Full PDB file with SEQRES, HELIX, SHEET, SSBOND, CRYST1, ORIGX, SCALE, CONECT and MASTER records, all heavy atoms in Angstrom:
SEQRES   1 A   31  ALA ARG ARG THR GLY THR PHE GLY ARG GLY VAL VAL TRP          
SEQRES   2 A   31  SER GLY TYR THR VAL GLY ILE SER ILE LEU VAL GLY LEU          
SEQRES   3 A   31  VAL GLY ALA VAL GLN                                          
HELIX    1 AA1 ARG A    9  ALA A   29  1                                  21    
CRYST1    1.000    1.000    1.000  90.00  90.00  90.00 P 1           1          
ORIGX1      1.000000  0.000000  0.000000        0.00000                         
ORIGX2      0.000000  1.000000  0.000000        0.00000                         
ORIGX3      0.000000  0.000000  1.000000        0.00000                         
SCALE1      1.000000  0.000000  0.000000        0.00000                         
SCALE2      0.000000  1.000000  0.000000        0.00000                         
SCALE3      0.000000  0.000000  1.000000        0.00000                         
ATOM      1  N   ALA A   1       0.842  -1.208  -0.002  1.00  0.00           N  
ATOM      2  CA  ALA A   1      -0.010  -0.002   0.013  1.00  0.00           C  
ATOM      3  C   ALA A   1       0.870   1.254   0.001  1.00  0.00           C  
ATOM      4  O   ALA A   1       0.586   2.224  -0.706  1.00  0.00           O  
ATOM      5  CB  ALA A   1      -0.929  -0.001   1.211  1.00  0.00           C  
ATOM      6  N   ARG A   2       1.946   1.219   0.785  1.00  0.00           N  
ATOM      7  CA  ARG A   2       2.865   2.375   0.829  1.00  0.00           C  
ATOM      8  C   ARG A   2       3.621   2.533  -0.471  1.00  0.00           C  
ATOM      9  O   ARG A   2       3.739   3.615  -1.040  1.00  0.00           O  
ATOM     10  CB  ARG A   2       3.839   2.231   1.997  1.00  0.00           C  
ATOM     11  CG  ARG A   2       4.804   3.408   2.143  1.00  0.00           C  
ATOM     12  CD  ARG A   2       5.787   3.170   3.304  1.00  0.00           C  
ATOM     13  NE  ARG A   2       6.599   1.998   3.084  1.00  0.00           N  
ATOM     14  CZ  ARG A   2       7.702   1.988   2.319  1.00  0.00           C  
ATOM     15  NH1 ARG A   2       8.069   3.098   1.690  1.00  0.00           N  
ATOM     16  NH2 ARG A   2       8.417   0.899   2.181  1.00  0.00           N  
ATOM     17  N   ARG A   3       4.112   1.417  -1.007  1.00  0.00           N  
ATOM     18  CA  ARG A   3       4.935   1.440  -2.217  1.00  0.00           C  
ATOM     19  C   ARG A   3       4.153   1.860  -3.446  1.00  0.00           C  
ATOM     20  O   ARG A   3       4.641   2.615  -4.294  1.00  0.00           O  
ATOM     21  CB  ARG A   3       5.520   0.050  -2.434  1.00  0.00           C  
ATOM     22  CG  ARG A   3       6.372  -0.082  -3.693  1.00  0.00           C  
ATOM     23  CD  ARG A   3       6.900  -1.501  -3.824  1.00  0.00           C  
ATOM     24  NE  ARG A   3       7.518  -1.701  -5.123  1.00  0.00           N  
ATOM     25  CZ  ARG A   3       7.913  -2.880  -5.570  1.00  0.00           C  
ATOM     26  NH1 ARG A   3       7.757  -3.962  -4.827  1.00  0.00           N  
ATOM     27  NH2 ARG A   3       8.451  -2.996  -6.763  1.00  0.00           N  
ATOM     28  N   THR A   4       2.902   1.404  -3.558  1.00  0.00           N  
ATOM     29  CA  THR A   4       2.120   1.685  -4.763  1.00  0.00           C  
ATOM     30  C   THR A   4       1.286   2.953  -4.641  1.00  0.00           C  
ATOM     31  O   THR A   4       0.801   3.469  -5.664  1.00  0.00           O  
ATOM     32  CB  THR A   4       1.180   0.510  -5.080  1.00  0.00           C  
ATOM     33  OG1 THR A   4       0.252   0.336  -3.983  1.00  0.00           O  
ATOM     34  CG2 THR A   4       1.973  -0.778  -5.280  1.00  0.00           C  
ATOM     35  N   GLY A   5       1.067   3.403  -3.433  1.00  0.00           N  
ATOM     36  CA  GLY A   5       0.217   4.596  -3.252  1.00  0.00           C  
ATOM     37  C   GLY A   5      -1.253   4.349  -3.526  1.00  0.00           C  
ATOM     38  O   GLY A   5      -1.996   5.296  -3.728  1.00  0.00           O  
ATOM     39  N   THR A   6      -1.663   3.083  -3.493  1.00  0.00           N  
ATOM     40  CA  THR A   6      -3.052   2.764  -3.800  1.00  0.00           C  
ATOM     41  C   THR A   6      -3.997   2.914  -2.634  1.00  0.00           C  
ATOM     42  O   THR A   6      -5.199   2.905  -2.812  1.00  0.00           O  
ATOM     43  CB  THR A   6      -3.150   1.338  -4.362  1.00  0.00           C  
ATOM     44  OG1 THR A   6      -2.456   0.432  -3.489  1.00  0.00           O  
ATOM     45  CG2 THR A   6      -2.562   1.228  -5.760  1.00  0.00           C  
ATOM     46  N   PHE A   7      -3.441   3.016  -1.413  1.00  0.00           N  
ATOM     47  CA  PHE A   7      -4.261   3.189  -0.237  1.00  0.00           C  
ATOM     48  C   PHE A   7      -3.658   4.274   0.636  1.00  0.00           C  
ATOM     49  O   PHE A   7      -2.486   4.626   0.522  1.00  0.00           O  
ATOM     50  CB  PHE A   7      -4.355   1.892   0.567  1.00  0.00           C  
ATOM     51  CG  PHE A   7      -5.205   0.823  -0.056  1.00  0.00           C  
ATOM     52  CD1 PHE A   7      -4.630  -0.284  -0.645  1.00  0.00           C  
ATOM     53  CD2 PHE A   7      -6.587   0.931  -0.048  1.00  0.00           C  
ATOM     54  CE1 PHE A   7      -5.408  -1.283  -1.210  1.00  0.00           C  
ATOM     55  CE2 PHE A   7      -7.384  -0.063  -0.614  1.00  0.00           C  
ATOM     56  CZ  PHE A   7      -6.782  -1.162  -1.210  1.00  0.00           C  
ATOM     57  N   GLY A   8      -4.480   4.770   1.549  1.00  0.00           N  
ATOM     58  CA  GLY A   8      -3.986   5.776   2.488  1.00  0.00           C  
ATOM     59  C   GLY A   8      -3.215   5.182   3.641  1.00  0.00           C  
ATOM     60  O   GLY A   8      -3.003   3.986   3.728  1.00  0.00           O  
ATOM     61  N   ARG A   9      -2.802   6.040   4.561  1.00  0.00           N  
ATOM     62  CA  ARG A   9      -1.967   5.614   5.689  1.00  0.00           C  
ATOM     63  C   ARG A   9      -2.641   4.595   6.606  1.00  0.00           C  
ATOM     64  O   ARG A   9      -1.968   3.806   7.272  1.00  0.00           O  
ATOM     65  CB  ARG A   9      -1.554   6.845   6.520  1.00  0.00           C  
ATOM     66  CG  ARG A   9      -0.529   7.725   5.829  1.00  0.00           C  
ATOM     67  CD  ARG A   9       0.076   8.722   6.796  1.00  0.00           C  
ATOM     68  NE  ARG A   9      -0.938   9.615   7.337  1.00  0.00           N  
ATOM     69  CZ  ARG A   9      -1.269  10.801   6.810  1.00  0.00           C  
ATOM     70  NH1 ARG A   9      -0.709  11.188   5.688  1.00  0.00           N  
ATOM     71  NH2 ARG A   9      -2.160  11.560   7.384  1.00  0.00           N  
ATOM     72  N   GLY A  10      -4.009   4.619   6.653  1.00  0.00           N  
ATOM     73  CA  GLY A  10      -4.717   3.678   7.504  1.00  0.00           C  
ATOM     74  C   GLY A  10      -4.375   2.238   7.149  1.00  0.00           C  
ATOM     75  O   GLY A  10      -4.178   1.386   8.024  1.00  0.00           O  
ATOM     76  N   VAL A  11      -4.332   1.913   5.855  1.00  0.00           N  
ATOM     77  CA  VAL A  11      -4.018   0.574   5.415  1.00  0.00           C  
ATOM     78  C   VAL A  11      -2.525   0.277   5.613  1.00  0.00           C  
ATOM     79  O   VAL A  11      -2.138  -0.830   6.027  1.00  0.00           O  
ATOM     80  CB  VAL A  11      -4.416   0.354   3.937  1.00  0.00           C  
ATOM     81  CG1 VAL A  11      -3.962  -1.024   3.432  1.00  0.00           C  
ATOM     82  CG2 VAL A  11      -5.915   0.509   3.767  1.00  0.00           C  
ATOM     83  N   VAL A  12      -1.691   1.272   5.348  1.00  0.00           N  
ATOM     84  CA  VAL A  12      -0.246   1.079   5.477  1.00  0.00           C  
ATOM     85  C   VAL A  12       0.139   0.703   6.912  1.00  0.00           C  
ATOM     86  O   VAL A  12       0.683  -0.395   7.171  1.00  0.00           O  
ATOM     87  CB  VAL A  12       0.504   2.350   5.046  1.00  0.00           C  
ATOM     88  CG1 VAL A  12       2.018   2.172   5.312  1.00  0.00           C  
ATOM     89  CG2 VAL A  12       0.257   2.655   3.575  1.00  0.00           C  
ATOM     90  N   TRP A  13      -0.166   1.563   7.860  1.00  0.00           N  
ATOM     91  CA  TRP A  13       0.314   1.347   9.218  1.00  0.00           C  
ATOM     92  C   TRP A  13      -0.457   0.271   9.972  1.00  0.00           C  
ATOM     93  O   TRP A  13       0.118  -0.469  10.770  1.00  0.00           O  
ATOM     94  CB  TRP A  13       0.321   2.673   9.991  1.00  0.00           C  
ATOM     95  CG  TRP A  13       1.330   3.613   9.398  1.00  0.00           C  
ATOM     96  CD1 TRP A  13       1.067   4.756   8.689  1.00  0.00           C  
ATOM     97  CD2 TRP A  13       2.739   3.451   9.362  1.00  0.00           C  
ATOM     98  NE1 TRP A  13       2.217   5.304   8.225  1.00  0.00           N  
ATOM     99  CE2 TRP A  13       3.263   4.542   8.639  1.00  0.00           C  
ATOM    100  CE3 TRP A  13       3.609   2.480   9.889  1.00  0.00           C  
ATOM    101  CZ2 TRP A  13       4.643   4.688   8.418  1.00  0.00           C  
ATOM    102  CZ3 TRP A  13       4.979   2.649   9.659  1.00  0.00           C  
ATOM    103  CH2 TRP A  13       5.483   3.732   8.940  1.00  0.00           C  
ATOM    104  N   SER A  14      -1.727   0.145   9.705  1.00  0.00           N  
ATOM    105  CA  SER A  14      -2.459  -0.942  10.373  1.00  0.00           C  
ATOM    106  C   SER A  14      -2.051  -2.286   9.788  1.00  0.00           C  
ATOM    107  O   SER A  14      -2.017  -3.272  10.507  1.00  0.00           O  
ATOM    108  CB  SER A  14      -3.973  -0.750  10.252  1.00  0.00           C  
ATOM    109  OG  SER A  14      -4.376  -0.651   8.895  1.00  0.00           O  
ATOM    110  N   GLY A  15      -1.676  -2.343   8.514  1.00  0.00           N  
ATOM    111  CA  GLY A  15      -1.152  -3.569   7.934  1.00  0.00           C  
ATOM    112  C   GLY A  15       0.124  -4.002   8.609  1.00  0.00           C  
ATOM    113  O   GLY A  15       0.290  -5.191   8.982  1.00  0.00           O  
ATOM    114  N   TYR A  16       1.046  -3.056   8.794  1.00  0.00           N  
ATOM    115  CA  TYR A  16       2.289  -3.381   9.522  1.00  0.00           C  
ATOM    116  C   TYR A  16       1.968  -3.838  10.931  1.00  0.00           C  
ATOM    117  O   TYR A  16       2.511  -4.842  11.414  1.00  0.00           O  
ATOM    118  CB  TYR A  16       3.182  -2.125   9.591  1.00  0.00           C  
ATOM    119  CG  TYR A  16       3.853  -1.727   8.303  1.00  0.00           C  
ATOM    120  CD1 TYR A  16       4.059  -0.381   8.008  1.00  0.00           C  
ATOM    121  CD2 TYR A  16       4.306  -2.687   7.403  1.00  0.00           C  
ATOM    122  CE1 TYR A  16       4.687   0.013   6.831  1.00  0.00           C  
ATOM    123  CE2 TYR A  16       4.937  -2.311   6.225  1.00  0.00           C  
ATOM    124  CZ  TYR A  16       5.142  -0.960   5.949  1.00  0.00           C  
ATOM    125  OH  TYR A  16       5.767  -0.570   4.798  1.00  0.00           O  
ATOM    126  N   THR A  17       1.114  -3.100  11.611  1.00  0.00           N  
ATOM    127  CA  THR A  17       0.859  -3.357  13.043  1.00  0.00           C  
ATOM    128  C   THR A  17       0.164  -4.693  13.258  1.00  0.00           C  
ATOM    129  O   THR A  17       0.556  -5.480  14.155  1.00  0.00           O  
ATOM    130  CB  THR A  17      -0.007  -2.233  13.647  1.00  0.00           C  
ATOM    131  OG1 THR A  17       0.661  -0.989  13.445  1.00  0.00           O  
ATOM    132  CG2 THR A  17      -0.211  -2.468  15.132  1.00  0.00           C  
ATOM    133  N   VAL A  18      -0.850  -5.002  12.466  1.00  0.00           N  
ATOM    134  CA  VAL A  18      -1.560  -6.263  12.671  1.00  0.00           C  
ATOM    135  C   VAL A  18      -0.676  -7.452  12.346  1.00  0.00           C  
ATOM    136  O   VAL A  18      -0.686  -8.466  13.050  1.00  0.00           O  
ATOM    137  CB  VAL A  18      -2.890  -6.312  11.869  1.00  0.00           C  
ATOM    138  CG1 VAL A  18      -2.613  -6.434  10.368  1.00  0.00           C  
ATOM    139  CG2 VAL A  18      -3.755  -7.454  12.325  1.00  0.00           C  
ATOM    140  N   GLY A  19       0.138  -7.328  11.314  1.00  0.00           N  
ATOM    141  CA  GLY A  19       1.038  -8.419  10.987  1.00  0.00           C  
ATOM    142  C   GLY A  19       2.031  -8.709  12.078  1.00  0.00           C  
ATOM    143  O   GLY A  19       2.251  -9.873  12.480  1.00  0.00           O  
ATOM    144  N   ILE A  20       2.642  -7.662  12.603  1.00  0.00           N  
ATOM    145  CA  ILE A  20       3.625  -7.820  13.678  1.00  0.00           C  
ATOM    146  C   ILE A  20       2.946  -8.346  14.940  1.00  0.00           C  
ATOM    147  O   ILE A  20       3.500  -9.190  15.659  1.00  0.00           O  
ATOM    148  CB  ILE A  20       4.346  -6.476  13.933  1.00  0.00           C  
ATOM    149  CG1 ILE A  20       5.229  -6.139  12.724  1.00  0.00           C  
ATOM    150  CG2 ILE A  20       5.166  -6.544  15.209  1.00  0.00           C  
ATOM    151  CD1 ILE A  20       5.788  -4.743  12.763  1.00  0.00           C  
ATOM    152  N   SER A  21       1.719  -7.873  15.216  1.00  0.00           N  
ATOM    153  CA  SER A  21       1.009  -8.321  16.411  1.00  0.00           C  
ATOM    154  C   SER A  21       0.716  -9.827  16.363  1.00  0.00           C  
ATOM    155  O   SER A  21       0.805 -10.536  17.360  1.00  0.00           O  
ATOM    156  CB  SER A  21      -0.306  -7.554  16.572  1.00  0.00           C  
ATOM    157  OG  SER A  21      -0.071  -6.183  16.819  1.00  0.00           O  
ATOM    158  N   ILE A  22       0.354 -10.311  15.186  1.00  0.00           N  
ATOM    159  CA  ILE A  22       0.111 -11.748  15.021  1.00  0.00           C  
ATOM    160  C   ILE A  22       1.377 -12.528  15.305  1.00  0.00           C  
ATOM    161  O   ILE A  22       1.370 -13.533  16.044  1.00  0.00           O  
ATOM    162  CB  ILE A  22      -0.422 -12.060  13.605  1.00  0.00           C  
ATOM    163  CG1 ILE A  22      -1.855 -11.567  13.464  1.00  0.00           C  
ATOM    164  CG2 ILE A  22      -0.363 -13.579  13.337  1.00  0.00           C  
ATOM    165  CD1 ILE A  22      -2.416 -11.692  12.065  1.00  0.00           C  
ATOM    166  N   LEU A  23       2.491 -12.075  14.782  1.00  0.00           N  
ATOM    167  CA  LEU A  23       3.739 -12.788  14.984  1.00  0.00           C  
ATOM    168  C   LEU A  23       4.169 -12.758  16.458  1.00  0.00           C  
ATOM    169  O   LEU A  23       4.648 -13.749  17.008  1.00  0.00           O  
ATOM    170  CB  LEU A  23       4.835 -12.193  14.090  1.00  0.00           C  
ATOM    171  CG  LEU A  23       4.562 -12.294  12.583  1.00  0.00           C  
ATOM    172  CD1 LEU A  23       5.654 -11.587  11.781  1.00  0.00           C  
ATOM    173  CD2 LEU A  23       4.455 -13.742  12.147  1.00  0.00           C  
ATOM    174  N   VAL A  24       3.949 -11.632  17.112  1.00  0.00           N  
ATOM    175  CA  VAL A  24       4.233 -11.534  18.550  1.00  0.00           C  
ATOM    176  C   VAL A  24       3.325 -12.478  19.331  1.00  0.00           C  
ATOM    177  O   VAL A  24       3.771 -13.180  20.258  1.00  0.00           O  
ATOM    178  CB  VAL A  24       4.067 -10.088  19.049  1.00  0.00           C  
ATOM    179  CG1 VAL A  24       4.098 -10.012  20.578  1.00  0.00           C  
ATOM    180  CG2 VAL A  24       5.181  -9.204  18.468  1.00  0.00           C  
ATOM    181  N   GLY A  25       2.033 -12.484  18.993  1.00  0.00           N  
ATOM    182  CA  GLY A  25       1.098 -13.363  19.683  1.00  0.00           C  
ATOM    183  C   GLY A  25       1.459 -14.813  19.554  1.00  0.00           C  
ATOM    184  O   GLY A  25       1.299 -15.600  20.504  1.00  0.00           O  
ATOM    185  N   LEU A  26       2.017 -15.222  18.421  1.00  0.00           N  
ATOM    186  CA  LEU A  26       2.412 -16.618  18.239  1.00  0.00           C  
ATOM    187  C   LEU A  26       3.567 -16.977  19.150  1.00  0.00           C  
ATOM    188  O   LEU A  26       3.668 -18.122  19.596  1.00  0.00           O  
ATOM    189  CB  LEU A  26       2.784 -16.867  16.779  1.00  0.00           C  
ATOM    190  CG  LEU A  26       1.631 -16.884  15.782  1.00  0.00           C  
ATOM    191  CD1 LEU A  26       2.137 -17.050  14.379  1.00  0.00           C  
ATOM    192  CD2 LEU A  26       0.640 -18.003  16.112  1.00  0.00           C  
ATOM    193  N   VAL A  27       4.446 -16.020  19.404  1.00  0.00           N  
ATOM    194  CA  VAL A  27       5.556 -16.276  20.340  1.00  0.00           C  
ATOM    195  C   VAL A  27       5.009 -16.651  21.707  1.00  0.00           C  
ATOM    196  O   VAL A  27       5.483 -17.575  22.362  1.00  0.00           O  
ATOM    197  CB  VAL A  27       6.485 -15.054  20.411  1.00  0.00           C  
ATOM    198  CG1 VAL A  27       7.517 -15.243  21.524  1.00  0.00           C  
ATOM    199  CG2 VAL A  27       7.172 -14.817  19.079  1.00  0.00           C  
ATOM    200  N   GLY A  28       3.972 -15.908  22.138  1.00  0.00           N  
ATOM    201  CA  GLY A  28       3.364 -16.205  23.423  1.00  0.00           C  
ATOM    202  C   GLY A  28       2.548 -17.480  23.375  1.00  0.00           C  
ATOM    203  O   GLY A  28       2.492 -18.235  24.361  1.00  0.00           O  
ATOM    204  N   ALA A  29       1.887 -17.734  22.235  1.00  0.00           N  
ATOM    205  CA  ALA A  29       0.980 -18.871  22.162  1.00  0.00           C  
ATOM    206  C   ALA A  29       1.667 -20.202  22.351  1.00  0.00           C  
ATOM    207  O   ALA A  29       1.063 -21.163  22.842  1.00  0.00           O  
ATOM    208  CB  ALA A  29       0.247 -18.860  20.809  1.00  0.00           C  
ATOM    209  N   VAL A  30       2.946 -20.291  21.995  1.00  0.00           N  
ATOM    210  CA  VAL A  30       3.647 -21.559  22.211  1.00  0.00           C  
ATOM    211  C   VAL A  30       3.830 -21.829  23.708  1.00  0.00           C  
ATOM    212  O   VAL A  30       4.098 -22.968  24.109  1.00  0.00           O  
ATOM    213  CB  VAL A  30       5.021 -21.594  21.498  1.00  0.00           C  
ATOM    214  CG1 VAL A  30       4.849 -21.471  20.013  1.00  0.00           C  
ATOM    215  CG2 VAL A  30       5.958 -20.505  22.032  1.00  0.00           C  
ATOM    216  N   GLN A  31       3.626 -20.805  24.534  1.00  0.00           N  
ATOM    217  CA  GLN A  31       3.687 -20.973  25.989  1.00  0.00           C  
ATOM    218  C   GLN A  31       2.310 -21.259  26.586  1.00  0.00           C  
ATOM    219  O   GLN A  31       2.220 -21.636  27.732  1.00  0.00           O  
ATOM    220  CB  GLN A  31       4.274 -19.721  26.659  1.00  0.00           C  
ATOM    221  CG  GLN A  31       5.625 -19.321  26.101  1.00  0.00           C  
ATOM    222  CD  GLN A  31       6.679 -20.397  26.331  1.00  0.00           C  
ATOM    223  OE1 GLN A  31       6.707 -21.043  27.379  1.00  0.00           O  
ATOM    224  NE2 GLN A  31       7.546 -20.577  25.324  1.00  0.00           N  
TER     225      GLN A  31                                                      
MASTER        0    0    0    1    0    0    0    6  224    1    0    3          
END                                                                             
């Protein structure tokens, strides 16, 4: 979204944030 300019900042930063949050959650989920 950031590279192509096809969406606004809402998609850019929430895309980054939700992806990272999922990966962080998986680290905890193994516990």
